[in-house]
Amino acid sequence: MLTFVPVSLGEGRAVTCERCHGGSPTPVYRDSAQIAGDIETAVRSGAAAPGPNIELTGPEPFGHPELPAIVGMAVRSGVSRLRLHTDASAFVVPANAAGSVAAGVRHVRFSVFGGTPGVHDVLVACPGALAETLEGVRSYVAAAATQEALVHVSALVPVCRHNVRDLPAVVATATGAGAAAVLLRVEDGGLDLRAAIEWVTAACDTGTVNGVRVEVEGVPPCLMPDHVLHLADVVRARAGAKAPACAECALDCVCGGGPAGAAADTLAALRAPADAGALAGRMRVARGMAPS
């Protein structure tokens, strides 16, 4: 499993749920010299082997006036894999898609909130946003094919109470556009996890049907015992929130708990399952850890 070291381009996010966050703040971009320093530090540290692998995160990368220079510097510094986290709309312009591939951007992660404009466009408060994102993803994939370059496209789905029922449709839409992997990241600390599980697992099954891995972040294994190998906890440690009731759970060594900032009533519902030991064993094997 590849790990990418995040390097922030500034303050803000490429896309947010307007209902959760009440509007997106104006992005503030960092100076390219600061960004270059972070990239060089990551390269020297030897982090994220096999790598080093870097993901440019934060506000929309194509909004940074020095993005081409930053990408060029990253490639020259010895980064093995460079990923852009974007809304992908900039790729609608063929020159952006072709230029990114030619410059060495082989990994793209795009954010998507809904499988239809009726969900995605409403949550990001931008009519036509989903269509632009999907067109941009297809344009990037087409540019890579023209240049005979191998690329990897993944989708990030920030999960909240406003889109949880649309998760299967989101996975189907993302894979249809060219995503080879989908990450469902629960970011809403007030989301009723137990009620959400049927939609989360249905989304996992949708990915399986389409031949795409769906990974879930922010859900503890006790709530998804039959889909435990879809959990991010299987492949990497995760900083989350755990209730006191979980303190003696056999899954402690591999479980990050609920989403960071989870409400007390959400955490109170978590309980160690009867087969916690067996689940922990499966997860340790999947992580390459020694059996307990």
C-alpha atoms as a PDB file:
ATOM      1  CA  MET A   1       0.000   0.000   0.000  1.00  0.00           C
ATOM      2  CA  LEU A   2       1.512   3.308  -1.099  1.00  0.00           C
ATOM      3  CA  THR A   3       1.667   6.139   1.402  1.00  0.00           C
ATOM      4  CA  PHE A   4       1.834   9.787   0.339  1.00  0.00           C
ATOM      5  CA  VAL A   5       3.346  12.534   2.465  1.00  0.00           C
ATOM      6  CA  PRO A   6       0.962  15.517   2.413  1.00  0.00           C
ATOM      7  CA  VAL A   7       2.484  18.864   1.501  1.00  0.00           C
ATOM      8  CA  SER A   8       0.066  21.735   1.935  1.00  0.00           C
ATOM      9  CA  LEU A   9      -0.210  24.435  -0.704  1.00  0.00           C
ATOM     10  CA  GLY A  10      -1.888  26.760   1.781  1.00  0.00           C
ATOM     11  CA  GLU A  11      -4.958  27.244   3.947  1.00  0.00           C
ATOM     12  CA  GLY A  12      -8.291  25.935   2.732  1.00  0.00           C
ATOM     13  CA  ARG A  13      -9.625  22.908   0.890  1.00  0.00           C
ATOM     14  CA  ALA A  14     -10.308  22.155  -2.748  1.00  0.00           C
ATOM     15  CA  VAL A  15     -13.979  21.345  -2.063  1.00  0.00           C
ATOM     16  CA  THR A  16     -16.123  21.422   1.081  1.00  0.00           C
ATOM     17  CA  CYS A  17     -19.688  20.579   2.062  1.00  0.00           C
ATOM     18  CA  GLU A  18     -21.283  23.994   2.390  1.00  0.00           C
ATOM     19  CA  ARG A  19     -23.946  22.666   4.760  1.00  0.00           C
ATOM     20  CA  CYS A  20     -21.344  21.286   7.160  1.00  0.00           C
ATOM     21  CA  HIS A  21     -18.868  24.154   6.973  1.00  0.00           C
ATOM     22  CA  GLY A  22     -21.100  27.107   6.175  1.00  0.00           C
ATOM     23  CA  GLY A  23     -19.137  28.267   3.154  1.00  0.00           C
ATOM     24  CA  SER A  24     -15.574  27.891   1.948  1.00  0.00           C
ATOM     25  CA  PRO A  25     -13.054  30.469   3.160  1.00  0.00           C
ATOM     26  CA  THR A  26     -10.951  32.297   0.616  1.00  0.00           C
ATOM     27  CA  PRO A  27      -7.852  30.157   0.036  1.00  0.00           C
ATOM     28  CA  VAL A  28      -4.489  31.510   1.155  1.00  0.00           C
ATOM     29  CA  TYR A  29      -1.584  30.018  -0.765  1.00  0.00           C
ATOM     30  CA  ARG A  30       1.893  29.501   0.662  1.00  0.00           C
ATOM     31  CA  ASP A  31       5.018  30.807  -0.994  1.00  0.00           C
ATOM     32  CA  SER A  32       6.558  28.314  -3.409  1.00  0.00           C
ATOM     33  CA  ALA A  33       9.861  28.433  -1.503  1.00  0.00           C
ATOM     34  CA  GLN A  34       8.123  27.195   1.655  1.00  0.00           C
ATOM     35  CA  ILE A  35       6.459  24.397  -0.291  1.00  0.00           C
ATOM     36  CA  ALA A  36       9.773  23.463  -1.882  1.00  0.00           C
ATOM     37  CA  GLY A  37      11.340  23.220   1.563  1.00  0.00           C
ATOM     38  CA  ASP A  38       8.654  20.801   2.731  1.00  0.00           C
ATOM     39  CA  ILE A  39       9.098  18.644  -0.350  1.00  0.00           C
ATOM     40  CA  GLU A  40      12.875  18.534   0.064  1.00  0.00           C
ATOM     41  CA  THR A  41      12.466  17.597   3.736  1.00  0.00           C
ATOM     42  CA  ALA A  42      10.181  14.717   2.782  1.00  0.00           C
ATOM     43  CA  VAL A  43      12.622  13.517   0.136  1.00  0.00           C
ATOM     44  CA  ARG A  44      15.579  13.630   2.529  1.00  0.00           C
ATOM     45  CA  SER A  45      13.661  11.819   5.259  1.00  0.00           C
ATOM     46  CA  GLY A  46      13.117   8.808   3.039  1.00  0.00           C
ATOM     47  CA  ALA A  47       9.501   8.678   4.231  1.00  0.00           C
ATOM     48  CA  ALA A  48       6.750   6.712   2.548  1.00  0.00           C
ATOM     49  CA  ALA A  49       8.896   3.948   1.065  1.00  0.00           C
ATOM     50  CA  PRO A  50       8.577   2.807  -1.641  1.00  0.00           C
ATOM     51  CA  GLY A  51       8.939   6.438  -2.468  1.00  0.00           C
ATOM     52  CA  PRO A  52       9.214   9.177  -1.507  1.00  0.00           C
ATOM     53  CA  ASN A  53       5.651   9.953  -2.565  1.00  0.00           C
ATOM     54  CA  ILE A  54       4.193  13.442  -2.213  1.00  0.00           C
ATOM     55  CA  GLU A  55       0.599  14.680  -2.324  1.00  0.00           C
ATOM     56  CA  LEU A  56      -0.053  18.384  -2.859  1.00  0.00           C
ATOM     57  CA  THR A  57      -3.015  19.123  -0.600  1.00  0.00           C
ATOM     58  CA  GLY A  58      -4.972  22.072   0.760  1.00  0.00           C
ATOM     59  CA  PRO A  59      -6.745  24.559  -1.489  1.00  0.00           C
ATOM     60  CA  GLU A  60      -7.271  23.886  -5.186  1.00  0.00           C
ATOM     61  CA  PRO A  61      -3.779  23.374  -6.670  1.00  0.00           C
ATOM     62  CA  PHE A  62      -4.627  25.008  -9.977  1.00  0.00           C
ATOM     63  CA  GLY A  63      -5.349  28.195  -8.047  1.00  0.00           C
ATOM     64  CA  HIS A  64      -1.681  28.481  -7.051  1.00  0.00           C
ATOM     65  CA  PRO A  65       0.061  30.882  -9.453  1.00  0.00           C
ATOM     66  CA  GLU A  66       3.303  28.894  -9.305  1.00  0.00           C
ATOM     67  CA  LEU A  67       1.907  25.361  -9.647  1.00  0.00           C
ATOM     68  CA  PRO A  68       3.968  24.445 -12.764  1.00  0.00           C
ATOM     69  CA  ALA A  69       7.171  25.472 -11.007  1.00  0.00           C
ATOM     70  CA  ILE A  70       6.206  23.530  -7.864  1.00  0.00           C
ATOM     71  CA  VAL A  71       5.480  20.385  -9.872  1.00  0.00           C
ATOM     72  CA  GLY A  72       8.743  20.726 -11.779  1.00  0.00           C
ATOM     73  CA  MET A  73      10.719  21.215  -8.592  1.00  0.00           C
ATOM     74  CA  ALA A  74       9.091  18.157  -6.988  1.00  0.00           C
ATOM     75  CA  VAL A  75       9.957  15.948  -9.937  1.00  0.00           C
ATOM     76  CA  ARG A  76      13.551  17.196 -10.048  1.00  0.00           C
ATOM     77  CA  SER A  77      13.977  16.708  -6.291  1.00  0.00           C
ATOM     78  CA  GLY A  78      13.590  12.951  -6.632  1.00  0.00           C
ATOM     79  CA  VAL A  79       9.921  12.416  -5.730  1.00  0.00           C
ATOM     80  CA  SER A  80       8.909   8.966  -6.965  1.00  0.00           C
ATOM     81  CA  ARG A  81       5.190   9.680  -7.182  1.00  0.00           C
ATOM     82  CA  LEU A  82       3.448  13.027  -7.211  1.00  0.00           C
ATOM     83  CA  ARG A  83      -0.272  13.278  -6.537  1.00  0.00           C
ATOM     84  CA  LEU A  84      -2.509  16.323  -6.933  1.00  0.00           C
ATOM     85  CA  HIS A  85      -5.624  16.591  -4.778  1.00  0.00           C
ATOM     86  CA  THR A  86      -7.995  18.634  -6.905  1.00  0.00           C
ATOM     87  CA  ASP A  87     -11.609  19.084  -7.917  1.00  0.00           C
ATOM     88  CA  ALA A  88     -10.349  18.130 -11.412  1.00  0.00           C
ATOM     89  CA  SER A  89     -12.315  20.897 -13.126  1.00  0.00           C
ATOM     90  CA  ALA A  90      -9.101  22.503 -14.418  1.00  0.00           C
ATOM     91  CA  PHE A  91      -8.437  19.377 -16.499  1.00  0.00           C
ATOM     92  CA  VAL A  92     -11.419  20.312 -18.657  1.00  0.00           C
ATOM     93  CA  VAL A  93      -8.925  22.568 -20.421  1.00  0.00           C
ATOM     94  CA  PRO A  94      -6.972  20.062 -22.565  1.00  0.00           C
ATOM     95  CA  ALA A  95      -3.694  21.941 -22.096  1.00  0.00           C
ATOM     96  CA  ASN A  96      -3.945  21.553 -18.311  1.00  0.00           C
ATOM     97  CA  ALA A  97      -4.574  17.818 -18.558  1.00  0.00           C
ATOM     98  CA  ALA A  98      -1.854  17.182 -21.134  1.00  0.00           C
ATOM     99  CA  GLY A  99       0.599  19.525 -19.399  1.00  0.00           C
ATOM    100  CA  SER A 100       0.112  17.855 -16.023  1.00  0.00           C
ATOM    101  CA  VAL A 101       0.796  14.398 -17.436  1.00  0.00           C
ATOM    102  CA  ALA A 102       3.821  15.637 -19.365  1.00  0.00           C
ATOM    103  CA  ALA A 103       5.179  17.371 -16.253  1.00  0.00           C
ATOM    104  CA  GLY A 104       5.129  14.143 -14.254  1.00  0.00           C
ATOM    105  CA  VAL A 105       1.787  14.176 -12.418  1.00  0.00           C
ATOM    106  CA  ARG A 106       0.910  10.485 -12.492  1.00  0.00           C
ATOM    107  CA  HIS A 107      -1.510  10.404  -9.561  1.00  0.00           C
ATOM    108  CA  VAL A 108      -4.682  12.457  -9.167  1.00  0.00           C
ATOM    109  CA  ARG A 109      -7.205  12.396  -6.329  1.00  0.00           C
ATOM    110  CA  PHE A 110     -10.468  14.234  -6.871  1.00  0.00           C
ATOM    111  CA  SER A 111     -13.109  15.072  -4.285  1.00  0.00           C
ATOM    112  CA  VAL A 112     -16.754  14.213  -4.888  1.00  0.00           C
ATOM    113  CA  PHE A 113     -19.741  14.550  -2.560  1.00  0.00           C
ATOM    114  CA  GLY A 114     -22.581  13.009  -4.540  1.00  0.00           C
ATOM    115  CA  GLY A 115     -23.365  10.684  -7.396  1.00  0.00           C
ATOM    116  CA  THR A 116     -25.730  13.151  -9.027  1.00  0.00           C
ATOM    117  CA  PRO A 117     -25.833  16.931  -9.469  1.00  0.00           C
ATOM    118  CA  GLY A 118     -28.815  16.974  -7.139  1.00  0.00           C
ATOM    119  CA  VAL A 119     -26.503  15.999  -4.280  1.00  0.00           C
ATOM    120  CA  HIS A 120     -22.990  17.084  -5.250  1.00  0.00           C
ATOM    121  CA  ASP A 121     -23.835  20.474  -6.766  1.00  0.00           C
ATOM    122  CA  VAL A 122     -26.149  21.352  -3.895  1.00  0.00           C
ATOM    123  CA  LEU A 123     -23.617  20.440  -1.199  1.00  0.00           C
ATOM    124  CA  VAL A 124     -20.767  22.385  -2.815  1.00  0.00           C
ATOM    125  CA  ALA A 125     -23.151  25.225  -3.739  1.00  0.00           C
ATOM    126  CA  CYS A 126     -21.992  25.314  -7.342  1.00  0.00           C
ATOM    127  CA  PRO A 127     -24.330  24.395 -10.226  1.00  0.00           C
ATOM    128  CA  GLY A 128     -22.573  22.264 -12.826  1.00  0.00           C
ATOM    129  CA  ALA A 129     -19.718  21.334 -10.491  1.00  0.00           C
ATOM    130  CA  LEU A 130     -20.145  17.556 -10.760  1.00  0.00           C
ATOM    131  CA  ALA A 131     -20.270  17.613 -14.549  1.00  0.00           C
ATOM    132  CA  GLU A 132     -17.059  19.674 -14.672  1.00  0.00           C
ATOM    133  CA  THR A 133     -15.280  17.368 -12.227  1.00  0.00           C
ATOM    134  CA  LEU A 134     -16.204  14.226 -14.138  1.00  0.00           C
ATOM    135  CA  GLU A 135     -15.319  15.793 -17.491  1.00  0.00           C
ATOM    136  CA  GLY A 136     -11.987  16.874 -16.019  1.00  0.00           C
ATOM    137  CA  VAL A 137     -11.192  13.371 -14.779  1.00  0.00           C
ATOM    138  CA  ARG A 138     -11.987  11.881 -18.174  1.00  0.00           C
ATOM    139  CA  SER A 139      -9.852  14.537 -19.862  1.00  0.00           C
ATOM    140  CA  TYR A 140      -6.862  13.702 -17.637  1.00  0.00           C
ATOM    141  CA  VAL A 141      -7.251   9.975 -18.294  1.00  0.00           C
ATOM    142  CA  ALA A 142      -7.519  10.619 -22.035  1.00  0.00           C
ATOM    143  CA  ALA A 143      -4.406  12.820 -22.001  1.00  0.00           C
ATOM    144  CA  ALA A 144      -2.478  10.066 -20.238  1.00  0.00           C
ATOM    145  CA  ALA A 145      -3.606   7.522 -22.820  1.00  0.00           C
ATOM    146  CA  THR A 146      -2.507   9.821 -25.643  1.00  0.00           C
ATOM    147  CA  GLN A 147       0.939  10.134 -24.055  1.00  0.00           C
ATOM    148  CA  GLU A 148       1.024   6.406 -23.239  1.00  0.00           C
ATOM    149  CA  ALA A 149       1.600   7.284 -19.582  1.00  0.00           C
ATOM    150  CA  LEU A 150       0.467   5.049 -16.735  1.00  0.00           C
ATOM    151  CA  VAL A 151      -1.578   7.068 -14.252  1.00  0.00           C
ATOM    152  CA  HIS A 152      -3.687   6.372 -11.181  1.00  0.00           C
ATOM    153  CA  VAL A 153      -6.903   8.246 -10.419  1.00  0.00           C
ATOM    154  CA  SER A 154      -8.689   7.967  -7.081  1.00  0.00           C
ATOM    155  CA  ALA A 155     -11.731   9.632  -5.563  1.00  0.00           C
ATOM    156  CA  LEU A 156     -12.076  11.031  -2.059  1.00  0.00           C
ATOM    157  CA  VAL A 157     -15.599  11.149  -0.667  1.00  0.00           C
ATOM    158  CA  PRO A 158     -15.920  13.223   2.526  1.00  0.00           C
ATOM    159  CA  VAL A 159     -18.817  11.468   4.280  1.00  0.00           C
ATOM    160  CA  CYS A 160     -21.320  13.477   6.303  1.00  0.00           C
ATOM    161  CA  ARG A 161     -24.974  13.321   7.303  1.00  0.00           C
ATOM    162  CA  HIS A 162     -25.897  15.154   4.104  1.00  0.00           C
ATOM    163  CA  ASN A 163     -24.550  12.610   1.606  1.00  0.00           C
ATOM    164  CA  VAL A 164     -24.360   9.290   3.470  1.00  0.00           C
ATOM    165  CA  ARG A 165     -27.428   7.846   1.703  1.00  0.00           C
ATOM    166  CA  ASP A 166     -25.878   8.633  -1.672  1.00  0.00           C
ATOM    167  CA  LEU A 167     -22.605   6.756  -1.106  1.00  0.00           C
ATOM    168  CA  PRO A 168     -23.339   3.793  -3.422  1.00  0.00           C
ATOM    169  CA  ALA A 169     -24.201   6.232  -6.218  1.00  0.00           C
ATOM    170  CA  VAL A 170     -21.044   8.252  -5.523  1.00  0.00           C
ATOM    171  CA  VAL A 171     -18.871   5.153  -5.909  1.00  0.00           C
ATOM    172  CA  ALA A 172     -20.601   4.163  -9.135  1.00  0.00           C
ATOM    173  CA  THR A 173     -20.228   7.672 -10.567  1.00  0.00           C
ATOM    174  CA  ALA A 174     -16.560   7.979  -9.568  1.00  0.00           C
ATOM    175  CA  THR A 175     -15.620   4.615 -11.042  1.00  0.00           C
ATOM    176  CA  GLY A 176     -17.539   5.403 -14.207  1.00  0.00           C
ATOM    177  CA  ALA A 177     -15.403   8.511 -14.668  1.00  0.00           C
ATOM    178  CA  GLY A 178     -12.159   6.568 -14.307  1.00  0.00           C
ATOM    179  CA  ALA A 179     -11.391   6.264 -10.595  1.00  0.00           C
ATOM    180  CA  ALA A 180      -9.402   3.121  -9.802  1.00  0.00           C
ATOM    181  CA  ALA A 181      -9.933   3.500  -6.038  1.00  0.00           C
ATOM    182  CA  VAL A 182     -12.346   5.338  -3.749  1.00  0.00           C
ATOM    183  CA  LEU A 183     -11.731   6.539  -0.186  1.00  0.00           C
ATOM    184  CA  LEU A 184     -14.796   7.164   1.989  1.00  0.00           C
ATOM    185  CA  ARG A 185     -13.609   9.456   4.778  1.00  0.00           C
ATOM    186  CA  VAL A 186     -16.093  10.061   7.606  1.00  0.00           C
ATOM    187  CA  GLU A 187     -15.558  13.680   8.658  1.00  0.00           C
ATOM    188  CA  ASP A 188     -18.845  14.410  10.400  1.00  0.00           C
ATOM    189  CA  GLY A 189     -18.340  13.779  14.112  1.00  0.00           C
ATOM    190  CA  GLY A 190     -22.089  13.947  14.678  1.00  0.00           C
ATOM    191  CA  LEU A 191     -22.963  11.322  12.089  1.00  0.00           C
ATOM    192  CA  ASP A 192     -24.894   8.355  13.504  1.00  0.00           C
ATOM    193  CA  LEU A 193     -22.391   5.681  12.535  1.00  0.00           C
ATOM    194  CA  ARG A 194     -24.664   2.735  13.258  1.00  0.00           C
ATOM    195  CA  ALA A 195     -27.366   4.134  10.975  1.00  0.00           C
ATOM    196  CA  ALA A 196     -24.786   4.970   8.320  1.00  0.00           C
ATOM    197  CA  ILE A 197     -23.228   1.514   8.106  1.00  0.00           C
ATOM    198  CA  GLU A 198     -25.763   0.061   5.672  1.00  0.00           C
ATOM    199  CA  TRP A 199     -24.925   2.822   3.182  1.00  0.00           C
ATOM    200  CA  VAL A 200     -21.183   2.540   3.766  1.00  0.00           C
ATOM    201  CA  THR A 201     -21.179  -1.219   3.248  1.00  0.00           C
ATOM    202  CA  ALA A 202     -23.410  -0.870   0.187  1.00  0.00           C
ATOM    203  CA  ALA A 203     -20.838   1.536  -1.237  1.00  0.00           C
ATOM    204  CA  CYS A 204     -18.090  -1.026  -0.568  1.00  0.00           C
ATOM    205  CA  ASP A 205     -20.125  -3.665  -2.385  1.00  0.00           C
ATOM    206  CA  THR A 206     -20.675  -1.269  -5.300  1.00  0.00           C
ATOM    207  CA  GLY A 207     -16.917  -0.923  -5.608  1.00  0.00           C
ATOM    208  CA  THR A 208     -16.474  -4.696  -5.560  1.00  0.00           C
ATOM    209  CA  VAL A 209     -19.004  -5.114  -8.359  1.00  0.00           C
ATOM    210  CA  ASN A 210     -17.138  -2.506 -10.406  1.00  0.00           C
ATOM    211  CA  GLY A 211     -13.715  -3.996  -9.686  1.00  0.00           C
ATOM    212  CA  VAL A 212     -12.564  -1.002  -7.634  1.00  0.00           C
ATOM    213  CA  ARG A 213     -11.257  -0.962  -4.067  1.00  0.00           C
ATOM    214  CA  VAL A 214     -13.317   1.142  -1.675  1.00  0.00           C
ATOM    215  CA  GLU A 215     -11.495   2.096   1.522  1.00  0.00           C
ATOM    216  CA  VAL A 216     -13.298   3.460   4.582  1.00  0.00           C
ATOM    217  CA  GLU A 217     -11.714   5.853   7.064  1.00  0.00           C
ATOM    218  CA  GLY A 218     -13.338   6.903  10.325  1.00  0.00           C
ATOM    219  CA  VAL A 219     -15.369   3.749  11.042  1.00  0.00           C
ATOM    220  CA  PRO A 220     -14.143   1.251  13.668  1.00  0.00           C
ATOM    221  CA  PRO A 221     -14.030  -2.467  12.816  1.00  0.00           C
ATOM    222  CA  CYS A 222     -16.642  -3.338  15.434  1.00  0.00           C
ATOM    223  CA  LEU A 223     -19.262  -1.689  13.200  1.00  0.00           C
ATOM    224  CA  MET A 224     -18.142  -3.372   9.957  1.00  0.00           C
ATOM    225  CA  PRO A 225     -17.029  -6.920  10.906  1.00  0.00           C
ATOM    226  CA  ASP A 226     -18.081  -8.366   7.532  1.00  0.00           C
ATOM    227  CA  HIS A 227     -16.251  -5.639   5.587  1.00  0.00           C
ATOM    228  CA  VAL A 228     -13.255  -5.237   7.848  1.00  0.00           C
ATOM    229  CA  LEU A 229     -10.704  -5.461   5.033  1.00  0.00           C
ATOM    230  CA  HIS A 230     -12.197  -2.296   3.524  1.00  0.00           C
ATOM    231  CA  LEU A 231     -11.118  -0.276   6.560  1.00  0.00           C
ATOM    232  CA  ALA A 232      -8.223   2.174   6.412  1.00  0.00           C
ATOM    233  CA  ASP A 233      -7.201   0.876   9.832  1.00  0.00           C
ATOM    234  CA  VAL A 234      -6.073  -2.305   8.086  1.00  0.00           C
ATOM    235  CA  VAL A 235      -3.340  -0.561   6.120  1.00  0.00           C
ATOM    236  CA  ARG A 236      -2.281   2.378   8.277  1.00  0.00           C
ATOM    237  CA  ALA A 237      -2.576   3.837  11.736  1.00  0.00           C
ATOM    238  CA  ARG A 238      -5.298   6.471  12.093  1.00  0.00           C
ATOM    239  CA  ALA A 239      -5.778   9.221  14.625  1.00  0.00           C
ATOM    240  CA  GLY A 240      -9.407   9.117  15.684  1.00  0.00           C
ATOM    241  CA  ALA A 241     -11.551   9.163  18.803  1.00  0.00           C
ATOM    242  CA  LYS A 242     -12.186   6.258  21.158  1.00  0.00           C
ATOM    243  CA  ALA A 243     -14.587   5.896  24.019  1.00  0.00           C
ATOM    244  CA  PRO A 244     -13.564   4.609  27.465  1.00  0.00           C
ATOM    245  CA  ALA A 245     -15.659   1.535  26.766  1.00  0.00           C
ATOM    246  CA  CYS A 246     -13.140   0.586  24.082  1.00  0.00           C
ATOM    247  CA  ALA A 247     -10.103   0.701  26.379  1.00  0.00           C
ATOM    248  CA  GLU A 248      -9.812  -3.075  26.853  1.00  0.00           C
ATOM    249  CA  CYS A 249     -10.830  -4.049  23.334  1.00  0.00           C
ATOM    250  CA  ALA A 250      -8.650  -6.593  21.533  1.00  0.00           C
ATOM    251  CA  LEU A 251      -8.834  -4.324  18.477  1.00  0.00           C
ATOM    252  CA  ASP A 252      -6.971  -1.486  20.208  1.00  0.00           C
ATOM    253  CA  CYS A 253      -3.752  -2.286  18.359  1.00  0.00           C
ATOM    254  CA  VAL A 254      -5.367  -1.804  14.934  1.00  0.00           C
ATOM    255  CA  CYS A 255      -8.409   0.437  15.526  1.00  0.00           C
ATOM    256  CA  GLY A 256      -8.476   4.226  15.341  1.00  0.00           C
ATOM    257  CA  GLY A 257     -11.991   4.432  16.754  1.00  0.00           C
ATOM    258  CA  GLY A 258     -14.636   6.777  15.413  1.00  0.00           C
ATOM    259  CA  PRO A 259     -13.948   9.890  13.335  1.00  0.00           C
ATOM    260  CA  ALA A 260     -11.865  12.631  14.937  1.00  0.00           C
ATOM    261  CA  GLY A 261     -14.140  14.944  16.881  1.00  0.00           C
ATOM    262  CA  ALA A 262     -16.906  12.353  17.174  1.00  0.00           C
ATOM    263  CA  ALA A 263     -19.754  13.279  19.491  1.00  0.00           C
ATOM    264  CA  ALA A 264     -19.984  11.573  22.876  1.00  0.00           C
ATOM    265  CA  ASP A 265     -23.207   9.749  21.988  1.00  0.00           C
ATOM    266  CA  THR A 266     -21.564   8.367  18.850  1.00  0.00           C
ATOM    267  CA  LEU A 267     -18.628   7.007  20.852  1.00  0.00           C
ATOM    268  CA  ALA A 268     -20.914   5.650  23.545  1.00  0.00           C
ATOM    269  CA  ALA A 269     -22.464   3.303  20.982  1.00  0.00           C
ATOM    270  CA  LEU A 270     -19.140   1.584  20.268  1.00  0.00           C
ATOM    271  CA  ARG A 271     -18.607  -1.775  21.912  1.00  0.00           C
ATOM    272  CA  ALA A 272     -16.059  -4.510  21.402  1.00  0.00           C
ATOM    273  CA  PRO A 273     -17.640  -7.312  19.324  1.00  0.00           C
ATOM    274  CA  ALA A 274     -17.677 -10.876  20.594  1.00  0.00           C
ATOM    275  CA  ASP A 275     -15.136 -11.890  17.951  1.00  0.00           C
ATOM    276  CA  ALA A 276     -12.829  -8.900  18.516  1.00  0.00           C
ATOM    277  CA  GLY A 277      -9.805 -11.158  18.881  1.00  0.00           C
ATOM    278  CA  ALA A 278     -10.423 -12.869  15.544  1.00  0.00           C
ATOM    279  CA  LEU A 279     -11.032  -9.538  13.794  1.00  0.00           C
ATOM    280  CA  ALA A 280      -7.849  -8.130  15.258  1.00  0.00           C
ATOM    281  CA  GLY A 281      -5.933 -11.163  14.013  1.00  0.00           C
ATOM    282  CA  ARG A 282      -7.225 -10.709  10.454  1.00  0.00           C
ATOM    283  CA  MET A 283      -6.319  -7.024  10.509  1.00  0.00           C
ATOM    284  CA  ARG A 284      -2.834  -7.669  11.903  1.00  0.00           C
ATOM    285  CA  VAL A 285      -2.172 -10.201   9.126  1.00  0.00           C
ATOM    286  CA  ALA A 286      -3.433  -7.735   6.505  1.00  0.00           C
ATOM    287  CA  ARG A 287      -1.097  -5.076   7.929  1.00  0.00           C
ATOM    288  CA  GLY A 288       1.846  -7.449   7.913  1.00  0.00           C
ATOM    289  CA  MET A 289       2.070  -7.341  11.698  1.00  0.00           C
ATOM    290  CA  ALA A 290       3.087 -10.292  13.829  1.00  0.00           C
ATOM    291  CA  PRO A 291       0.121 -12.256  15.250  1.00  0.00           C
ATOM    292  CA  SER A 292      -0.762 -11.256  18.808  1.00  0.00           C
END
